[in-house]
Amino acid sequence: MTSQSRALLRDHALSEIAADVLAHDERVRDFSVEVRFDRGVALVSGAVRYPAQARLLRELLGRLDGVLAVWDRLWVDGRPPVVVDVRCSTDPRCTATTGTERRPDEAAPLVADALRRLPLADASVDRLYAVHVLEFLPDYLPLIDDCHRVLRADGVLHLMAPYWQHPDAVADPTLRRLLDVQTVKGICTRPGAPQWFPLHAACDGESVFADLVPLPSPDSAADDVWLSRFFD
C-alpha cells in the first residue's frame, strides 16, 4: 500500500466516523453540516445557529484519531464567515475551504507585507489562514500577534508550516523557520504577548498544523489537562 492510497483510505474512514458522530451525538445531530477529509484535514461546511455550536463541532472532530486540523466555512446565525487567507501557498485544502464565499466573484487578492500590520480592522475576521507563510519570515511572532488583533472573539487562526525534521524542509535553503508541535505551545503561552487557546495541534511528519482561538486575557488560558493533549 502506497502512502497516497493509505491517505485516501484514512480520509474515507474518518469521513465515516464523522458521519456517525453527526448522526448519533445528540449535541450535533440536528446541525446542517457536511464533513469531508483531505489528507487528515476536516473540511466542514454548512450552517449553525450559535458560535458555541461551531466550536463544539470543531472540538468533537478534533478528538478523532488521525485528524490533523479542522477547517470550516460554517455560516453562523445566517451570516457567512469573513475569511482571510494570508499565505504563500496554493494548498487545495485551503482553497476548498476559503473559495466558496457568498459572492466569490467579488473576492480579490490584497497584497500586503506580512512583516507589517495587516490592513484589516480589529475583530473583523472569522477565519484566518496562515498556510506556508511562517517559514518564510525571519520573525513571524509580530504576524501572529496581529492575527490575534483582527480575529473576532470566536474566530480561528489556522497555521500550517513545515516540520523541522522533514528532509524536504531541511533541504530547502529558502526556508527561514521550521516548526514543531512544541512551537505551537510557545506561541500560545508567550509571557506578555496575546494569548491563544489551542483547539488542535498535530504533525503528520511533513507539516505542523494548529487551530488557535484568540483569548481575551491570560486568565482564560487553557489548563494543563487540555495542553497535555498536544504538548509535552
Protein backbone atom coordinates (compact mmCIF):
# COMPACT_ATOMS: atom_id res chain seq x y z
CA MET A 1 0.00 0.00 0.00
CA THR A 2 1.43 3.36 -1.02
CA SER A 3 1.32 6.37 1.29
CA GLN A 4 -1.11 8.08 -1.08
CA SER A 5 -3.53 5.17 -1.17
CA ARG A 6 -3.38 4.85 2.60
CA ALA A 7 -4.15 8.55 2.97
CA LEU A 8 -7.23 8.16 0.77
CA LEU A 9 -8.42 5.18 2.78
CA ARG A 10 -7.80 7.01 6.05
CA ASP A 11 -9.80 10.00 4.80
CA HIS A 12 -12.64 7.65 3.89
CA ALA A 13 -12.54 6.07 7.34
CA LEU A 14 -12.52 9.46 9.07
CA SER A 15 -15.46 10.62 6.94
CA GLU A 16 -17.46 7.58 8.04
CA ILE A 17 -16.58 8.15 11.70
CA ALA A 18 -17.51 11.83 11.46
CA ALA A 19 -20.83 10.92 9.83
CA ASP A 20 -21.50 8.54 12.70
CA VAL A 21 -20.81 11.30 15.23
CA LEU A 22 -23.16 13.68 13.42
CA ALA A 23 -25.88 11.04 13.25
CA HIS A 24 -25.76 9.80 16.83
CA ASP A 25 -24.35 12.51 19.10
CA GLU A 26 -27.44 14.37 20.30
CA ARG A 27 -25.44 17.58 20.72
CA VAL A 28 -24.79 17.88 16.98
CA ARG A 29 -27.39 15.59 15.47
CA ASP A 30 -29.57 18.46 14.25
CA PHE A 31 -26.73 20.50 12.73
CA SER A 32 -27.00 21.19 9.00
CA VAL A 33 -23.36 20.48 8.22
CA GLU A 34 -21.21 18.30 6.00
CA VAL A 35 -17.74 16.98 6.80
CA ARG A 36 -15.18 15.52 4.44
CA PHE A 37 -11.49 14.86 4.87
CA ASP A 38 -8.48 15.66 2.72
CA ARG A 39 -5.20 14.13 3.94
CA GLY A 40 -6.37 14.24 7.53
CA VAL A 41 -7.78 17.77 7.46
CA ALA A 42 -11.50 18.01 8.22
CA LEU A 43 -13.24 20.36 5.77
CA VAL A 44 -16.56 21.44 7.26
CA SER A 45 -19.39 23.28 5.50
CA GLY A 46 -22.95 24.15 6.41
CA ALA A 47 -24.67 26.34 8.97
CA VAL A 48 -25.24 26.53 12.71
CA ARG A 49 -27.18 28.99 14.83
CA TYR A 50 -24.67 29.90 17.53
CA PRO A 51 -20.86 30.32 17.69
CA ALA A 52 -20.76 27.82 20.56
CA GLN A 53 -22.20 25.18 18.25
CA ALA A 54 -19.43 25.76 15.71
CA ARG A 55 -16.82 25.44 18.44
CA LEU A 56 -18.40 22.25 19.80
CA LEU A 57 -18.33 20.70 16.34
CA ARG A 58 -14.66 21.62 15.87
CA GLU A 59 -13.75 20.14 19.25
CA LEU A 60 -15.62 16.89 18.58
CA LEU A 61 -13.98 16.41 15.19
CA GLY A 62 -10.60 17.27 16.64
CA ARG A 63 -10.90 14.39 19.09
CA LEU A 64 -10.93 11.81 16.31
CA ASP A 65 -7.68 9.92 15.97
CA GLY A 66 -5.87 10.90 12.78
CA VAL A 67 -7.39 14.38 12.42
CA LEU A 68 -4.69 16.98 11.76
CA ALA A 69 -6.85 20.11 11.69
CA VAL A 70 -10.44 21.27 11.37
CA TRP A 71 -11.02 23.92 8.71
CA ASP A 72 -14.57 25.19 8.32
CA ARG A 73 -16.63 27.67 6.35
CA LEU A 74 -19.67 27.47 8.62
CA TRP A 75 -22.34 30.13 8.46
CA VAL A 76 -23.38 31.26 11.95
CA ASP A 77 -26.86 32.69 12.56
CA GLY A 78 -27.32 33.29 8.84
CA ARG A 79 -24.03 35.12 8.37
CA PRO A 80 -21.24 33.79 6.15
CA PRO A 81 -17.75 33.77 7.64
CA VAL A 82 -15.28 36.53 6.85
CA VAL A 83 -12.26 34.57 5.66
CA VAL A 84 -8.76 35.95 5.17
CA ASP A 85 -6.09 33.86 3.51
CA VAL A 86 -2.58 35.06 4.41
CA ARG A 87 -0.31 32.65 2.62
CA CYS A 88 2.29 31.84 0.04
CA SER A 89 0.65 28.51 -0.76
CA THR A 90 -1.93 27.06 -3.13
CA ASP A 91 -2.79 24.11 -0.89
CA PRO A 92 -6.09 22.75 -2.31
CA ARG A 93 -7.45 22.11 1.17
CA CYS A 94 -7.24 25.79 1.95
CA THR A 95 -8.70 26.74 -1.41
CA ALA A 96 -11.61 24.37 -0.86
CA THR A 97 -12.32 25.96 2.50
CA THR A 98 -11.99 29.62 1.55
CA GLY A 99 -13.15 29.52 -2.06
CA THR A 100 -16.93 29.38 -1.62
CA GLU A 101 -17.85 32.75 -0.18
CA ARG A 102 -21.31 34.17 -0.79
CA ARG A 103 -20.02 36.31 -3.67
CA PRO A 104 -16.76 34.73 -4.83
CA ASP A 105 -16.70 36.99 -7.89
CA GLU A 106 -16.19 39.93 -5.52
CA ALA A 107 -13.22 38.33 -3.78
CA ALA A 108 -9.90 39.85 -4.77
CA PRO A 109 -6.33 39.39 -3.58
CA LEU A 110 -4.93 42.07 -1.28
CA VAL A 111 -1.16 42.32 -1.42
CA ALA A 112 0.44 43.34 1.86
CA ASP A 113 3.71 42.95 3.70
CA ALA A 114 3.26 40.18 6.28
CA LEU A 115 6.03 41.75 8.36
CA ARG A 116 3.87 44.82 8.88
CA ARG A 117 0.42 45.41 10.33
CA LEU A 118 -2.34 43.62 8.42
CA PRO A 119 -4.62 46.10 6.59
CA LEU A 120 -7.66 44.83 8.49
CA ALA A 121 -9.86 46.28 11.22
CA ASP A 122 -9.76 44.96 14.77
CA ALA A 123 -12.05 41.98 15.45
CA SER A 124 -13.21 41.82 11.83
CA VAL A 125 -12.27 38.29 10.71
CA ASP A 126 -13.81 34.87 11.43
CA ARG A 127 -11.23 32.56 9.86
CA LEU A 128 -7.62 33.45 9.18
CA TYR A 129 -5.34 31.04 7.31
CA ALA A 130 -1.57 31.30 7.56
CA VAL A 131 -0.65 28.34 5.38
CA HIS A 132 3.03 28.07 4.48
CA VAL A 133 3.80 31.66 5.43
CA LEU A 134 5.64 31.47 8.76
CA GLU A 135 8.61 29.57 7.37
CA PHE A 136 9.50 32.45 5.04
CA LEU A 137 9.56 35.15 7.73
CA PRO A 138 12.65 35.98 9.80
CA ASP A 139 10.35 36.74 12.76
CA TYR A 140 6.76 35.57 12.49
CA LEU A 141 5.65 36.49 16.02
CA PRO A 142 4.51 40.03 15.09
CA LEU A 143 2.29 38.50 12.41
CA ILE A 144 0.85 36.03 14.94
CA ASP A 145 0.12 38.90 17.31
CA ASP A 146 -1.58 40.89 14.56
CA CYS A 147 -3.72 37.88 13.67
CA HIS A 148 -4.91 37.96 17.28
CA ARG A 149 -5.91 41.61 16.79
CA VAL A 150 -8.00 41.10 13.64
CA LEU A 151 -9.82 37.92 14.71
CA ARG A 152 -13.21 38.05 16.33
CA ALA A 153 -13.58 36.50 19.78
CA ASP A 154 -14.88 33.24 18.28
CA GLY A 155 -12.54 33.39 15.27
CA VAL A 156 -9.90 30.79 14.45
CA LEU A 157 -6.33 31.09 13.21
CA HIS A 158 -5.26 28.10 11.12
CA LEU A 159 -1.50 27.58 10.94
CA MET A 160 0.43 25.18 8.72
CA ALA A 161 4.21 25.12 8.35
CA PRO A 162 6.99 22.61 7.60
CA TYR A 163 8.01 20.13 10.28
CA TRP A 164 11.62 20.70 11.26
CA GLN A 165 12.66 17.05 10.83
CA HIS A 166 11.24 16.52 7.35
CA PRO A 167 14.07 16.08 4.79
CA ASP A 168 12.50 18.34 2.17
CA ALA A 169 12.12 21.17 4.68
CA VAL A 170 15.70 20.90 5.86
CA ALA A 171 16.97 20.78 2.27
CA ASP A 172 15.13 23.94 1.18
CA PRO A 173 17.53 26.91 1.57
CA THR A 174 14.71 29.44 1.11
CA LEU A 175 13.00 28.46 4.38
CA ARG A 176 13.95 30.61 7.35
CA ARG A 177 11.94 28.96 10.13
CA LEU A 178 10.76 25.39 10.72
CA LEU A 179 8.24 24.30 13.34
CA ASP A 180 7.50 21.55 15.82
CA VAL A 181 4.23 20.96 17.65
CA GLN A 182 6.03 22.27 20.74
CA THR A 183 6.50 25.57 18.90
CA VAL A 184 2.72 25.96 18.94
CA LYS A 185 2.75 25.67 22.72
CA GLY A 186 5.27 28.51 22.86
CA ILE A 187 3.09 30.64 20.58
CA CYS A 188 0.03 30.08 22.77
CA THR A 189 1.67 30.81 26.12
CA ARG A 190 4.23 33.57 25.44
CA PRO A 191 4.54 35.82 28.50
CA GLY A 192 3.47 39.39 27.83
CA ALA A 193 2.01 38.53 24.42
CA PRO A 194 -1.54 37.92 23.17
CA GLN A 195 -2.70 34.51 24.37
CA TRP A 196 -4.19 31.70 22.30
CA PHE A 197 -6.30 28.65 23.07
CA PRO A 198 -5.17 25.60 21.04
CA LEU A 199 -8.25 23.89 19.67
CA HIS A 200 -5.95 21.44 17.93
CA ALA A 201 -2.28 20.86 17.14
CA ALA A 202 -0.77 17.99 15.20
CA CYS A 203 2.00 16.85 12.87
CA ASP A 204 1.91 14.35 10.01
CA GLY A 205 5.70 14.11 9.72
CA GLU A 206 5.76 16.66 6.92
CA SER A 207 3.85 19.67 8.27
CA VAL A 208 2.77 21.08 11.62
CA PHE A 209 -0.88 22.11 11.95
CA ALA A 210 -2.58 24.27 14.57
CA ASP A 211 -6.07 25.68 15.06
CA LEU A 212 -5.91 28.58 17.53
CA VAL A 213 -8.59 30.78 19.13
CA PRO A 214 -7.68 34.25 20.46
CA LEU A 215 -8.08 34.68 24.20
CA PRO A 216 -9.04 37.99 25.82
CA SER A 217 -6.59 37.57 28.70
CA PRO A 218 -4.14 35.06 30.24
CA ASP A 219 -6.77 34.30 32.89
CA SER A 220 -8.76 32.32 30.31
CA ALA A 221 -5.80 30.26 29.09
CA ALA A 222 -6.09 26.51 28.58
CA ASP A 223 -5.28 24.43 31.65
CA ASP A 224 -2.56 21.79 31.84
CA VAL A 225 -5.05 18.97 31.26
CA TRP A 226 -6.05 20.41 27.88
CA LEU A 227 -2.49 21.32 26.91
CA SER A 228 -1.34 17.77 27.65
CA ARG A 229 -3.41 16.55 24.69
CA PHE A 230 -0.95 18.14 22.29
CA PHE A 231 2.22 19.23 24.09
CA ASP A 232 4.93 17.95 26.41
